């Protein structure tokens, strides 16, 4: 079953994880 949303997140030292980009089906 395919994902509704795919995305990339990133986290730098001492920082909160953040959304970089996302894409729908």
PDBML (XML) file of the C-alpha atoms, coordinates in Angstrom:
<?xml version="1.0" encoding="UTF-8" ?>
<PDBx:datablock datablockName="MODEL"
   xmlns:PDBx="http://pdbml.pdb.org/schema/pdbx-v50.xsd"
   xmlns:xsi="http://www.w3.org/2001/XMLSchema-instance"
   xsi:schemaLocation="http://pdbml.pdb.org/schema/pdbx-v50.xsd pdbx-v50.xsd">
   <PDBx:atom_siteCategory>
      <PDBx:atom_site id="1">
         <PDBx:B_iso_or_equiv>0.00</PDBx:B_iso_or_equiv>
         <PDBx:Cartn_x>0.000</PDBx:Cartn_x>
         <PDBx:Cartn_y>0.000</PDBx:Cartn_y>
         <PDBx:Cartn_z>0.000</PDBx:Cartn_z>
         <PDBx:auth_asym_id>A</PDBx:auth_asym_id>
         <PDBx:auth_atom_id>CA</PDBx:auth_atom_id>
         <PDBx:auth_comp_id>UNK</PDBx:auth_comp_id>
         <PDBx:auth_seq_id>1</PDBx:auth_seq_id>
         <PDBx:group_PDB>ATOM</PDBx:group_PDB>
         <PDBx:label_alt_id xsi:nil="true" />
         <PDBx:label_asym_id>A</PDBx:label_asym_id>
         <PDBx:label_atom_id>CA</PDBx:label_atom_id>
         <PDBx:label_comp_id>UNK</PDBx:label_comp_id>
         <PDBx:label_entity_id>1</PDBx:label_entity_id>
         <PDBx:label_seq_id>1</PDBx:label_seq_id>
         <PDBx:occupancy>1.00</PDBx:occupancy>
         <PDBx:pdbx_PDB_model_num>1</PDBx:pdbx_PDB_model_num>
         <PDBx:type_symbol>C</PDBx:type_symbol>
      </PDBx:atom_site>
      <PDBx:atom_site id="2">
         <PDBx:B_iso_or_equiv>0.00</PDBx:B_iso_or_equiv>
         <PDBx:Cartn_x>1.471</PDBx:Cartn_x>
         <PDBx:Cartn_y>3.308</PDBx:Cartn_y>
         <PDBx:Cartn_z>-1.154</PDBx:Cartn_z>
         <PDBx:auth_asym_id>A</PDBx:auth_asym_id>
         <PDBx:auth_atom_id>CA</PDBx:auth_atom_id>
         <PDBx:auth_comp_id>UNK</PDBx:auth_comp_id>
         <PDBx:auth_seq_id>2</PDBx:auth_seq_id>
         <PDBx:group_PDB>ATOM</PDBx:group_PDB>
         <PDBx:label_alt_id xsi:nil="true" />
         <PDBx:label_asym_id>A</PDBx:label_asym_id>
         <PDBx:label_atom_id>CA</PDBx:label_atom_id>
         <PDBx:label_comp_id>UNK</PDBx:label_comp_id>
         <PDBx:label_entity_id>1</PDBx:label_entity_id>
         <PDBx:label_seq_id>2</PDBx:label_seq_id>
         <PDBx:occupancy>1.00</PDBx:occupancy>
         <PDBx:pdbx_PDB_model_num>1</PDBx:pdbx_PDB_model_num>
         <PDBx:type_symbol>C</PDBx:type_symbol>
      </PDBx:atom_site>
      <PDBx:atom_site id="3">
         <PDBx:B_iso_or_equiv>0.00</PDBx:B_iso_or_equiv>
         <PDBx:Cartn_x>2.165</PDBx:Cartn_x>
         <PDBx:Cartn_y>6.128</PDBx:Cartn_y>
         <PDBx:Cartn_z>1.270</PDBx:Cartn_z>
         <PDBx:auth_asym_id>A</PDBx:auth_asym_id>
         <PDBx:auth_atom_id>CA</PDBx:auth_atom_id>
         <PDBx:auth_comp_id>UNK</PDBx:auth_comp_id>
         <PDBx:auth_seq_id>3</PDBx:auth_seq_id>
         <PDBx:group_PDB>ATOM</PDBx:group_PDB>
         <PDBx:label_alt_id xsi:nil="true" />
         <PDBx:label_asym_id>A</PDBx:label_asym_id>
         <PDBx:label_atom_id>CA</PDBx:label_atom_id>
         <PDBx:label_comp_id>UNK</PDBx:label_comp_id>
         <PDBx:label_entity_id>1</PDBx:label_entity_id>
         <PDBx:label_seq_id>3</PDBx:label_seq_id>
         <PDBx:occupancy>1.00</PDBx:occupancy>
         <PDBx:pdbx_PDB_model_num>1</PDBx:pdbx_PDB_model_num>
         <PDBx:type_symbol>C</PDBx:type_symbol>
      </PDBx:atom_site>
      <PDBx:atom_site id="4">
         <PDBx:B_iso_or_equiv>0.00</PDBx:B_iso_or_equiv>
         <PDBx:Cartn_x>-0.201</PDBx:Cartn_x>
         <PDBx:Cartn_y>9.097</PDBx:Cartn_y>
         <PDBx:Cartn_z>1.216</PDBx:Cartn_z>
         <PDBx:auth_asym_id>A</PDBx:auth_asym_id>
         <PDBx:auth_atom_id>CA</PDBx:auth_atom_id>
         <PDBx:auth_comp_id>UNK</PDBx:auth_comp_id>
         <PDBx:auth_seq_id>4</PDBx:auth_seq_id>
         <PDBx:group_PDB>ATOM</PDBx:group_PDB>
         <PDBx:label_alt_id xsi:nil="true" />
         <PDBx:label_asym_id>A</PDBx:label_asym_id>
         <PDBx:label_atom_id>CA</PDBx:label_atom_id>
         <PDBx:label_comp_id>UNK</PDBx:label_comp_id>
         <PDBx:label_entity_id>1</PDBx:label_entity_id>
         <PDBx:label_seq_id>4</PDBx:label_seq_id>
         <PDBx:occupancy>1.00</PDBx:occupancy>
         <PDBx:pdbx_PDB_model_num>1</PDBx:pdbx_PDB_model_num>
         <PDBx:type_symbol>C</PDBx:type_symbol>
      </PDBx:atom_site>
      <PDBx:atom_site id="5">
         <PDBx:B_iso_or_equiv>0.00</PDBx:B_iso_or_equiv>
         <PDBx:Cartn_x>2.661</PDBx:Cartn_x>
         <PDBx:Cartn_y>11.423</PDBx:Cartn_y>
         <PDBx:Cartn_z>2.063</PDBx:Cartn_z>
         <PDBx:auth_asym_id>A</PDBx:auth_asym_id>
         <PDBx:auth_atom_id>CA</PDBx:auth_atom_id>
         <PDBx:auth_comp_id>UNK</PDBx:auth_comp_id>
         <PDBx:auth_seq_id>5</PDBx:auth_seq_id>
         <PDBx:group_PDB>ATOM</PDBx:group_PDB>
         <PDBx:label_alt_id xsi:nil="true" />
         <PDBx:label_asym_id>A</PDBx:label_asym_id>
         <PDBx:label_atom_id>CA</PDBx:label_atom_id>
         <PDBx:label_comp_id>UNK</PDBx:label_comp_id>
         <PDBx:label_entity_id>1</PDBx:label_entity_id>
         <PDBx:label_seq_id>5</PDBx:label_seq_id>
         <PDBx:occupancy>1.00</PDBx:occupancy>
         <PDBx:pdbx_PDB_model_num>1</PDBx:pdbx_PDB_model_num>
         <PDBx:type_symbol>C</PDBx:type_symbol>
      </PDBx:atom_site>
      <PDBx:atom_site id="6">
         <PDBx:B_iso_or_equiv>0.00</PDBx:B_iso_or_equiv>
         <PDBx:Cartn_x>6.392</PDBx:Cartn_x>
         <PDBx:Cartn_y>11.006</PDBx:Cartn_y>
         <PDBx:Cartn_z>1.669</PDBx:Cartn_z>
         <PDBx:auth_asym_id>A</PDBx:auth_asym_id>
         <PDBx:auth_atom_id>CA</PDBx:auth_atom_id>
         <PDBx:auth_comp_id>UNK</PDBx:auth_comp_id>
         <PDBx:auth_seq_id>6</PDBx:auth_seq_id>
         <PDBx:group_PDB>ATOM</PDBx:group_PDB>
         <PDBx:label_alt_id xsi:nil="true" />
         <PDBx:label_asym_id>A</PDBx:label_asym_id>
         <PDBx:label_atom_id>CA</PDBx:label_atom_id>
         <PDBx:label_comp_id>UNK</PDBx:label_comp_id>
         <PDBx:label_entity_id>1</PDBx:label_entity_id>
         <PDBx:label_seq_id>6</PDBx:label_seq_id>
         <PDBx:occupancy>1.00</PDBx:occupancy>
         <PDBx:pdbx_PDB_model_num>1</PDBx:pdbx_PDB_model_num>
         <PDBx:type_symbol>C</PDBx:type_symbol>
      </PDBx:atom_site>
      <PDBx:atom_site id="7">
         <PDBx:B_iso_or_equiv>0.00</PDBx:B_iso_or_equiv>
         <PDBx:Cartn_x>8.808</PDBx:Cartn_x>
         <PDBx:Cartn_y>13.463</PDBx:Cartn_y>
         <PDBx:Cartn_z>3.160</PDBx:Cartn_z>
         <PDBx:auth_asym_id>A</PDBx:auth_asym_id>
         <PDBx:auth_atom_id>CA</PDBx:auth_atom_id>
         <PDBx:auth_comp_id>UNK</PDBx:auth_comp_id>
         <PDBx:auth_seq_id>7</PDBx:auth_seq_id>
         <PDBx:group_PDB>ATOM</PDBx:group_PDB>
         <PDBx:label_alt_id xsi:nil="true" />
         <PDBx:label_asym_id>A</PDBx:label_asym_id>
         <PDBx:label_atom_id>CA</PDBx:label_atom_id>
         <PDBx:label_comp_id>UNK</PDBx:label_comp_id>
         <PDBx:label_entity_id>1</PDBx:label_entity_id>
         <PDBx:label_seq_id>7</PDBx:label_seq_id>
         <PDBx:occupancy>1.00</PDBx:occupancy>
         <PDBx:pdbx_PDB_model_num>1</PDBx:pdbx_PDB_model_num>
         <PDBx:type_symbol>C</PDBx:type_symbol>
      </PDBx:atom_site>
      <PDBx:atom_site id="8">
         <PDBx:B_iso_or_equiv>0.00</PDBx:B_iso_or_equiv>
         <PDBx:Cartn_x>12.286</PDBx:Cartn_x>
         <PDBx:Cartn_y>14.371</PDBx:Cartn_y>
         <PDBx:Cartn_z>4.251</PDBx:Cartn_z>
         <PDBx:auth_asym_id>A</PDBx:auth_asym_id>
         <PDBx:auth_atom_id>CA</PDBx:auth_atom_id>
         <PDBx:auth_comp_id>UNK</PDBx:auth_comp_id>
         <PDBx:auth_seq_id>8</PDBx:auth_seq_id>
         <PDBx:group_PDB>ATOM</PDBx:group_PDB>
         <PDBx:label_alt_id xsi:nil="true" />
         <PDBx:label_asym_id>A</PDBx:label_asym_id>
         <PDBx:label_atom_id>CA</PDBx:label_atom_id>
         <PDBx:label_comp_id>UNK</PDBx:label_comp_id>
         <PDBx:label_entity_id>1</PDBx:label_entity_id>
         <PDBx:label_seq_id>8</PDBx:label_seq_id>
         <PDBx:occupancy>1.00</PDBx:occupancy>
         <PDBx:pdbx_PDB_model_num>1</PDBx:pdbx_PDB_model_num>
         <PDBx:type_symbol>C</PDBx:type_symbol>
      </PDBx:atom_site>
      <PDBx:atom_site id="9">
         <PDBx:B_iso_or_equiv>0.00</PDBx:B_iso_or_equiv>
         <PDBx:Cartn_x>13.158</PDBx:Cartn_x>
         <PDBx:Cartn_y>15.795</PDBx:Cartn_y>
         <PDBx:Cartn_z>7.653</PDBx:Cartn_z>
         <PDBx:auth_asym_id>A</PDBx:auth_asym_id>
         <PDBx:auth_atom_id>CA</PDBx:auth_atom_id>
         <PDBx:auth_comp_id>UNK</PDBx:auth_comp_id>
         <PDBx:auth_seq_id>9</PDBx:auth_seq_id>
         <PDBx:group_PDB>ATOM</PDBx:group_PDB>
         <PDBx:label_alt_id xsi:nil="true" />
         <PDBx:label_asym_id>A</PDBx:label_asym_id>
         <PDBx:label_atom_id>CA</PDBx:label_atom_id>
         <PDBx:label_comp_id>UNK</PDBx:label_comp_id>
         <PDBx:label_entity_id>1</PDBx:label_entity_id>
         <PDBx:label_seq_id>9</PDBx:label_seq_id>
         <PDBx:occupancy>1.00</PDBx:occupancy>
         <PDBx:pdbx_PDB_model_num>1</PDBx:pdbx_PDB_model_num>
         <PDBx:type_symbol>C</PDBx:type_symbol>
      </PDBx:atom_site>
      <PDBx:atom_site id="10">
         <PDBx:B_iso_or_equiv>0.00</PDBx:B_iso_or_equiv>
         <PDBx:Cartn_x>16.481</PDBx:Cartn_x>
         <PDBx:Cartn_y>16.932</PDBx:Cartn_y>
         <PDBx:Cartn_z>9.041</PDBx:Cartn_z>
         <PDBx:auth_asym_id>A</PDBx:auth_asym_id>
         <PDBx:auth_atom_id>CA</PDBx:auth_atom_id>
         <PDBx:auth_comp_id>UNK</PDBx:auth_comp_id>
         <PDBx:auth_seq_id>10</PDBx:auth_seq_id>
         <PDBx:group_PDB>ATOM</PDBx:group_PDB>
         <PDBx:label_alt_id xsi:nil="true" />
         <PDBx:label_asym_id>A</PDBx:label_asym_id>
         <PDBx:label_atom_id>CA</PDBx:label_atom_id>
         <PDBx:label_comp_id>UNK</PDBx:label_comp_id>
         <PDBx:label_entity_id>1</PDBx:label_entity_id>
         <PDBx:label_seq_id>10</PDBx:label_seq_id>
         <PDBx:occupancy>1.00</PDBx:occupancy>
         <PDBx:pdbx_PDB_model_num>1</PDBx:pdbx_PDB_model_num>
         <PDBx:type_symbol>C</PDBx:type_symbol>
      </PDBx:atom_site>
      <PDBx:atom_site id="11">
         <PDBx:B_iso_or_equiv>0.00</PDBx:B_iso_or_equiv>
         <PDBx:Cartn_x>18.005</PDBx:Cartn_x>
         <PDBx:Cartn_y>17.533</PDBx:Cartn_y>
         <PDBx:Cartn_z>12.438</PDBx:Cartn_z>
         <PDBx:auth_asym_id>A</PDBx:auth_asym_id>
         <PDBx:auth_atom_id>CA</PDBx:auth_atom_id>
         <PDBx:auth_comp_id>UNK</PDBx:auth_comp_id>
         <PDBx:auth_seq_id>11</PDBx:auth_seq_id>
         <PDBx:group_PDB>ATOM</PDBx:group_PDB>
         <PDBx:label_alt_id xsi:nil="true" />
         <PDBx:label_asym_id>A</PDBx:label_asym_id>
         <PDBx:label_atom_id>CA</PDBx:label_atom_id>
         <PDBx:label_comp_id>UNK</PDBx:label_comp_id>
         <PDBx:label_entity_id>1</PDBx:label_entity_id>
         <PDBx:label_seq_id>11</PDBx:label_seq_id>
         <PDBx:occupancy>1.00</PDBx:occupancy>
         <PDBx:pdbx_PDB_model_num>1</PDBx:pdbx_PDB_model_num>
         <PDBx:type_symbol>C</PDBx:type_symbol>
      </PDBx:atom_site>
      <PDBx:atom_site id="12">
         <PDBx:B_iso_or_equiv>0.00</PDBx:B_iso_or_equiv>
         <PDBx:Cartn_x>21.157</PDBx:Cartn_x>
         <PDBx:Cartn_y>19.495</PDBx:Cartn_y>
         <PDBx:Cartn_z>13.175</PDBx:Cartn_z>
         <PDBx:auth_asym_id>A</PDBx:auth_asym_id>
         <PDBx:auth_atom_id>CA</PDBx:auth_atom_id>
         <PDBx:auth_comp_id>UNK</PDBx:auth_comp_id>
         <PDBx:auth_seq_id>12</PDBx:auth_seq_id>
         <PDBx:group_PDB>ATOM</PDBx:group_PDB>
         <PDBx:label_alt_id xsi:nil="true" />
         <PDBx:label_asym_id>A</PDBx:label_asym_id>
         <PDBx:label_atom_id>CA</PDBx:label_atom_id>
         <PDBx:label_comp_id>UNK</PDBx:label_comp_id>
         <PDBx:label_entity_id>1</PDBx:label_entity_id>
         <PDBx:label_seq_id>12</PDBx:label_seq_id>
         <PDBx:occupancy>1.00</PDBx:occupancy>
         <PDBx:pdbx_PDB_model_num>1</PDBx:pdbx_PDB_model_num>
         <PDBx:type_symbol>C</PDBx:type_symbol>
      </PDBx:atom_site>
      <PDBx:atom_site id="13">
         <PDBx:B_iso_or_equiv>0.00</PDBx:B_iso_or_equiv>
         <PDBx:Cartn_x>23.000</PDBx:Cartn_x>
         <PDBx:Cartn_y>19.254</PDBx:Cartn_y>
         <PDBx:Cartn_z>16.519</PDBx:Cartn_z>
         <PDBx:auth_asym_id>A</PDBx:auth_asym_id>
         <PDBx:auth_atom_id>CA</PDBx:auth_atom_id>
         <PDBx:auth_comp_id>UNK</PDBx:auth_comp_id>
         <PDBx:auth_seq_id>13</PDBx:auth_seq_id>
         <PDBx:group_PDB>ATOM</PDBx:group_PDB>
         <PDBx:label_alt_id xsi:nil="true" />
         <PDBx:label_asym_id>A</PDBx:label_asym_id>
         <PDBx:label_atom_id>CA</PDBx:label_atom_id>
         <PDBx:label_comp_id>UNK</PDBx:label_comp_id>
         <PDBx:label_entity_id>1</PDBx:label_entity_id>
         <PDBx:label_seq_id>13</PDBx:label_seq_id>
         <PDBx:occupancy>1.00</PDBx:occupancy>
         <PDBx:pdbx_PDB_model_num>1</PDBx:pdbx_PDB_model_num>
         <PDBx:type_symbol>C</PDBx:type_symbol>
      </PDBx:atom_site>
      <PDBx:atom_site id="14">
         <PDBx:B_iso_or_equiv>0.00</PDBx:B_iso_or_equiv>
         <PDBx:Cartn_x>21.112</PDBx:Cartn_x>
         <PDBx:Cartn_y>21.097</PDBx:Cartn_y>
         <PDBx:Cartn_z>19.251</PDBx:Cartn_z>
         <PDBx:auth_asym_id>A</PDBx:auth_asym_id>
         <PDBx:auth_atom_id>CA</PDBx:auth_atom_id>
         <PDBx:auth_comp_id>UNK</PDBx:auth_comp_id>
         <PDBx:auth_seq_id>14</PDBx:auth_seq_id>
         <PDBx:group_PDB>ATOM</PDBx:group_PDB>
         <PDBx:label_alt_id xsi:nil="true" />
         <PDBx:label_asym_id>A</PDBx:label_asym_id>
         <PDBx:label_atom_id>CA</PDBx:label_atom_id>
         <PDBx:label_comp_id>UNK</PDBx:label_comp_id>
         <PDBx:label_entity_id>1</PDBx:label_entity_id>
         <PDBx:label_seq_id>14</PDBx:label_seq_id>
         <PDBx:occupancy>1.00</PDBx:occupancy>
         <PDBx:pdbx_PDB_model_num>1</PDBx:pdbx_PDB_model_num>
         <PDBx:type_symbol>C</PDBx:type_symbol>
      </PDBx:atom_site>
      <PDBx:atom_site id="15">
         <PDBx:B_iso_or_equiv>0.00</PDBx:B_iso_or_equiv>
         <PDBx:Cartn_x>18.151</PDBx:Cartn_x>
         <PDBx:Cartn_y>21.834</PDBx:Cartn_y>
         <PDBx:Cartn_z>17.006</PDBx:Cartn_z>
         <PDBx:auth_asym_id>A</PDBx:auth_asym_id>
         <PDBx:auth_atom_id>CA</PDBx:auth_atom_id>
         <PDBx:auth_comp_id>UNK</PDBx:auth_comp_id>
         <PDBx:auth_seq_id>15</PDBx:auth_seq_id>
         <PDBx:group_PDB>ATOM</PDBx:group_PDB>
         <PDBx:label_alt_id xsi:nil="true" />
         <PDBx:label_asym_id>A</PDBx:label_asym_id>
         <PDBx:label_atom_id>CA</PDBx:label_atom_id>
         <PDBx:label_comp_id>UNK</PDBx:label_comp_id>
         <PDBx:label_entity_id>1</PDBx:label_entity_id>
         <PDBx:label_seq_id>15</PDBx:label_seq_id>
         <PDBx:occupancy>1.00</PDBx:occupancy>
         <PDBx:pdbx_PDB_model_num>1</PDBx:pdbx_PDB_model_num>
         <PDBx:type_symbol>C</PDBx:type_symbol>
      </PDBx:atom_site>
      <PDBx:atom_site id="16">
         <PDBx:B_iso_or_equiv>0.00</PDBx:B_iso_or_equiv>
         <PDBx:Cartn_x>14.646</PDBx:Cartn_x>
         <PDBx:Cartn_y>20.454</PDBx:Cartn_y>
         <PDBx:Cartn_z>16.624</PDBx:Cartn_z>
         <PDBx:auth_asym_id>A</PDBx:auth_asym_id>
         <PDBx:auth_atom_id>CA</PDBx:auth_atom_id>
         <PDBx:auth_comp_id>UNK</PDBx:auth_comp_id>
         <PDBx:auth_seq_id>16</PDBx:auth_seq_id>
         <PDBx:group_PDB>ATOM</PDBx:group_PDB>
         <PDBx:label_alt_id xsi:nil="true" />
         <PDBx:label_asym_id>A</PDBx:label_asym_id>
         <PDBx:label_atom_id>CA</PDBx:label_atom_id>
         <PDBx:label_comp_id>UNK</PDBx:label_comp_id>
         <PDBx:label_entity_id>1</PDBx:label_entity_id>
         <PDBx:label_seq_id>16</PDBx:label_seq_id>
         <PDBx:occupancy>1.00</PDBx:occupancy>
         <PDBx:pdbx_PDB_model_num>1</PDBx:pdbx_PDB_model_num>
         <PDBx:type_symbol>C</PDBx:type_symbol>
      </PDBx:atom_site>
      <PDBx:atom_site id="17">
         <PDBx:B_iso_or_equiv>0.00</PDBx:B_iso_or_equiv>
         <PDBx:Cartn_x>13.885</PDBx:Cartn_x>
         <PDBx:Cartn_y>18.069</PDBx:Cartn_y>
         <PDBx:Cartn_z>13.795</PDBx:Cartn_z>
         <PDBx:auth_asym_id>A</PDBx:auth_asym_id>
         <PDBx:auth_atom_id>CA</PDBx:auth_atom_id>
         <PDBx:auth_comp_id>UNK</PDBx:auth_comp_id>
         <PDBx:auth_seq_id>17</PDBx:auth_seq_id>
         <PDBx:group_PDB>ATOM</PDBx:group_PDB>
         <PDBx:label_alt_id xsi:nil="true" />
         <PDBx:label_asym_id>A</PDBx:label_asym_id>
         <PDBx:label_atom_id>CA</PDBx:label_atom_id>
         <PDBx:label_comp_id>UNK</PDBx:label_comp_id>
         <PDBx:label_entity_id>1</PDBx:label_entity_id>
         <PDBx:label_seq_id>17</PDBx:label_seq_id>
         <PDBx:occupancy>1.00</PDBx:occupancy>
         <PDBx:pdbx_PDB_model_num>1</PDBx:pdbx_PDB_model_num>
         <PDBx:type_symbol>C</PDBx:type_symbol>
      </PDBx:atom_site>
      <PDBx:atom_site id="18">
         <PDBx:B_iso_or_equiv>0.00</PDBx:B_iso_or_equiv>
         <PDBx:Cartn_x>12.260</PDBx:Cartn_x>
         <PDBx:Cartn_y>20.005</PDBx:Cartn_y>
         <PDBx:Cartn_z>10.964</PDBx:Cartn_z>
         <PDBx:auth_asym_id>A</PDBx:auth_asym_id>
         <PDBx:auth_atom_id>CA</PDBx:auth_atom_id>
         <PDBx:auth_comp_id>UNK</PDBx:auth_comp_id>
         <PDBx:auth_seq_id>18</PDBx:auth_seq_id>
         <PDBx:group_PDB>ATOM</PDBx:group_PDB>
         <PDBx:label_alt_id xsi:nil="true" />
         <PDBx:label_asym_id>A</PDBx:label_asym_id>
         <PDBx:label_atom_id>CA</PDBx:label_atom_id>
         <PDBx:label_comp_id>UNK</PDBx:label_comp_id>
         <PDBx:label_entity_id>1</PDBx:label_entity_id>
         <PDBx:label_seq_id>18</PDBx:label_seq_id>
         <PDBx:occupancy>1.00</PDBx:occupancy>
         <PDBx:pdbx_PDB_model_num>1</PDBx:pdbx_PDB_model_num>
         <PDBx:type_symbol>C</PDBx:type_symbol>
      </PDBx:atom_site>
      <PDBx:atom_site id="19">
         <PDBx:B_iso_or_equiv>0.00</PDBx:B_iso_or_equiv>
         <PDBx:Cartn_x>10.357</PDBx:Cartn_x>
         <PDBx:Cartn_y>19.186</PDBx:Cartn_y>
         <PDBx:Cartn_z>7.806</PDBx:Cartn_z>
         <PDBx:auth_asym_id>A</PDBx:auth_asym_id>
         <PDBx:auth_atom_id>CA</PDBx:auth_atom_id>
         <PDBx:auth_comp_id>UNK</PDBx:auth_comp_id>
         <PDBx:auth_seq_id>19</PDBx:auth_seq_id>
         <PDBx:group_PDB>ATOM</PDBx:group_PDB>
         <PDBx:label_alt_id xsi:nil="true" />
         <PDBx:label_asym_id>A</PDBx:label_asym_id>
         <PDBx:label_atom_id>CA</PDBx:label_atom_id>
         <PDBx:label_comp_id>UNK</PDBx:label_comp_id>
         <PDBx:label_entity_id>1</PDBx:label_entity_id>
         <PDBx:label_seq_id>19</PDBx:label_seq_id>
         <PDBx:occupancy>1.00</PDBx:occupancy>
         <PDBx:pdbx_PDB_model_num>1</PDBx:pdbx_PDB_model_num>
         <PDBx:type_symbol>C</PDBx:type_symbol>
      </PDBx:atom_site>
      <PDBx:atom_site id="20">
         <PDBx:B_iso_or_equiv>0.00</PDBx:B_iso_or_equiv>
         <PDBx:Cartn_x>12.444</PDBx:Cartn_x>
         <PDBx:Cartn_y>19.839</PDBx:Cartn_y>
         <PDBx:Cartn_z>4.710</PDBx:Cartn_z>
         <PDBx:auth_asym_id>A</PDBx:auth_asym_id>
         <PDBx:auth_atom_id>CA</PDBx:auth_atom_id>
         <PDBx:auth_comp_id>UNK</PDBx:auth_comp_id>
         <PDBx:auth_seq_id>20</PDBx:auth_seq_id>
         <PDBx:group_PDB>ATOM</PDBx:group_PDB>
         <PDBx:label_alt_id xsi:nil="true" />
         <PDBx:label_asym_id>A</PDBx:label_asym_id>
         <PDBx:label_atom_id>CA</PDBx:label_atom_id>
         <PDBx:label_comp_id>UNK</PDBx:label_comp_id>
         <PDBx:label_entity_id>1</PDBx:label_entity_id>
         <PDBx:label_seq_id>20</PDBx:label_seq_id>
         <PDBx:occupancy>1.00</PDBx:occupancy>
         <PDBx:pdbx_PDB_model_num>1</PDBx:pdbx_PDB_model_num>
         <PDBx:type_symbol>C</PDBx:type_symbol>
      </PDBx:atom_site>
      <PDBx:atom_site id="21">
         <PDBx:B_iso_or_equiv>0.00</PDBx:B_iso_or_equiv>
         <PDBx:Cartn_x>10.018</PDBx:Cartn_x>
         <PDBx:Cartn_y>18.772</PDBx:Cartn_y>
         <PDBx:Cartn_z>1.989</PDBx:Cartn_z>
         <PDBx:auth_asym_id>A</PDBx:auth_asym_id>
         <PDBx:auth_atom_id>CA</PDBx:auth_atom_id>
         <PDBx:auth_comp_id>UNK</PDBx:auth_comp_id>
         <PDBx:auth_seq_id>21</PDBx:auth_seq_id>
         <PDBx:group_PDB>ATOM</PDBx:group_PDB>
         <PDBx:label_alt_id xsi:nil="true" />
         <PDBx:label_asym_id>A</PDBx:label_asym_id>
         <PDBx:label_atom_id>CA</PDBx:label_atom_id>
         <PDBx:label_comp_id>UNK</PDBx:label_comp_id>
         <PDBx:label_entity_id>1</PDBx:label_entity_id>
         <PDBx:label_seq_id>21</PDBx:label_seq_id>
         <PDBx:occupancy>1.00</PDBx:occupancy>
         <PDBx:pdbx_PDB_model_num>1</PDBx:pdbx_PDB_model_num>
         <PDBx:type_symbol>C</PDBx:type_symbol>
      </PDBx:atom_site>
      <PDBx:atom_site id="22">
         <PDBx:B_iso_or_equiv>0.00</PDBx:B_iso_or_equiv>
         <PDBx:Cartn_x>6.977</PDBx:Cartn_x>
         <PDBx:Cartn_y>16.582</PDBx:Cartn_y>
         <PDBx:Cartn_z>1.485</PDBx:Cartn_z>
         <PDBx:auth_asym_id>A</PDBx:auth_asym_id>
         <PDBx:auth_atom_id>CA</PDBx:auth_atom_id>
         <PDBx:auth_comp_id>UNK</PDBx:auth_comp_id>
         <PDBx:auth_seq_id>22</PDBx:auth_seq_id>
         <PDBx:group_PDB>ATOM</PDBx:group_PDB>
         <PDBx:label_alt_id xsi:nil="true" />
         <PDBx:label_asym_id>A</PDBx:label_asym_id>
         <PDBx:label_atom_id>CA</PDBx:label_atom_id>
         <PDBx:label_comp_id>UNK</PDBx:label_comp_id>
         <PDBx:label_entity_id>1</PDBx:label_entity_id>
         <PDBx:label_seq_id>22</PDBx:label_seq_id>
         <PDBx:occupancy>1.00</PDBx:occupancy>
         <PDBx:pdbx_PDB_model_num>1</PDBx:pdbx_PDB_model_num>
         <PDBx:type_symbol>C</PDBx:type_symbol>
      </PDBx:atom_site>
      <PDBx:atom_site id="23">
         <PDBx:B_iso_or_equiv>0.00</PDBx:B_iso_or_equiv>
         <PDBx:Cartn_x>5.023</PDBx:Cartn_x>
         <PDBx:Cartn_y>15.218</PDBx:Cartn_y>
         <PDBx:Cartn_z>-1.448</PDBx:Cartn_z>
         <PDBx:auth_asym_id>A</PDBx:auth_asym_id>
         <PDBx:auth_atom_id>CA</PDBx:auth_atom_id>
         <PDBx:auth_comp_id>UNK</PDBx:auth_comp_id>
         <PDBx:auth_seq_id>23</PDBx:auth_seq_id>
         <PDBx:group_PDB>ATOM</PDBx:group_PDB>
         <PDBx:label_alt_id xsi:nil="true" />
         <PDBx:label_asym_id>A</PDBx:label_asym_id>
         <PDBx:label_atom_id>CA</PDBx:label_atom_id>
         <PDBx:label_comp_id>UNK</PDBx:label_comp_id>
         <PDBx:label_entity_id>1</PDBx:label_entity_id>
         <PDBx:label_seq_id>23</PDBx:label_seq_id>
         <PDBx:occupancy>1.00</PDBx:occupancy>
         <PDBx:pdbx_PDB_model_num>1</PDBx:pdbx_PDB_model_num>
         <PDBx:type_symbol>C</PDBx:type_symbol>
      </PDBx:atom_site>
      <PDBx:atom_site id="24">
         <PDBx:B_iso_or_equiv>0.00</PDBx:B_iso_or_equiv>
         <PDBx:Cartn_x>1.580</PDBx:Cartn_x>
         <PDBx:Cartn_y>13.659</PDBx:Cartn_y>
         <PDBx:Cartn_z>-1.750</PDBx:Cartn_z>
         <PDBx:auth_asym_id>A</PDBx:auth_asym_id>
         <PDBx:auth_atom_id>CA</PDBx:auth_atom_id>
         <PDBx:auth_comp_id>UNK</PDBx:auth_comp_id>
         <PDBx:auth_seq_id>24</PDBx:auth_seq_id>
         <PDBx:group_PDB>ATOM</PDBx:group_PDB>
         <PDBx:label_alt_id xsi:nil="true" />
         <PDBx:label_asym_id>A</PDBx:label_asym_id>
         <PDBx:label_atom_id>CA</PDBx:label_atom_id>
         <PDBx:label_comp_id>UNK</PDBx:label_comp_id>
         <PDBx:label_entity_id>1</PDBx:label_entity_id>
         <PDBx:label_seq_id>24</PDBx:label_seq_id>
         <PDBx:occupancy>1.00</PDBx:occupancy>
         <PDBx:pdbx_PDB_model_num>1</PDBx:pdbx_PDB_model_num>
         <PDBx:type_symbol>C</PDBx:type_symbol>
      </PDBx:atom_site>
      <PDBx:atom_site id="25">
         <PDBx:B_iso_or_equiv>0.00</PDBx:B_iso_or_equiv>
         <PDBx:Cartn_x>0.618</PDBx:Cartn_x>
         <PDBx:Cartn_y>10.652</PDBx:Cartn_y>
         <PDBx:Cartn_z>-3.842</PDBx:Cartn_z>
         <PDBx:auth_asym_id>A</PDBx:auth_asym_id>
         <PDBx:auth_atom_id>CA</PDBx:auth_atom_id>
         <PDBx:auth_comp_id>UNK</PDBx:auth_comp_id>
         <PDBx:auth_seq_id>25</PDBx:auth_seq_id>
         <PDBx:group_PDB>ATOM</PDBx:group_PDB>
         <PDBx:label_alt_id xsi:nil="true" />
         <PDBx:label_asym_id>A</PDBx:label_asym_id>
         <PDBx:label_atom_id>CA</PDBx:label_atom_id>
         <PDBx:label_comp_id>UNK</PDBx:label_comp_id>
         <PDBx:label_entity_id>1</PDBx:label_entity_id>
         <PDBx:label_seq_id>25</PDBx:label_seq_id>
         <PDBx:occupancy>1.00</PDBx:occupancy>
         <PDBx:pdbx_PDB_model_num>1</PDBx:pdbx_PDB_model_num>
         <PDBx:type_symbol>C</PDBx:type_symbol>
      </PDBx:atom_site>
   </PDBx:atom_siteCategory>
</PDBx:datablock>
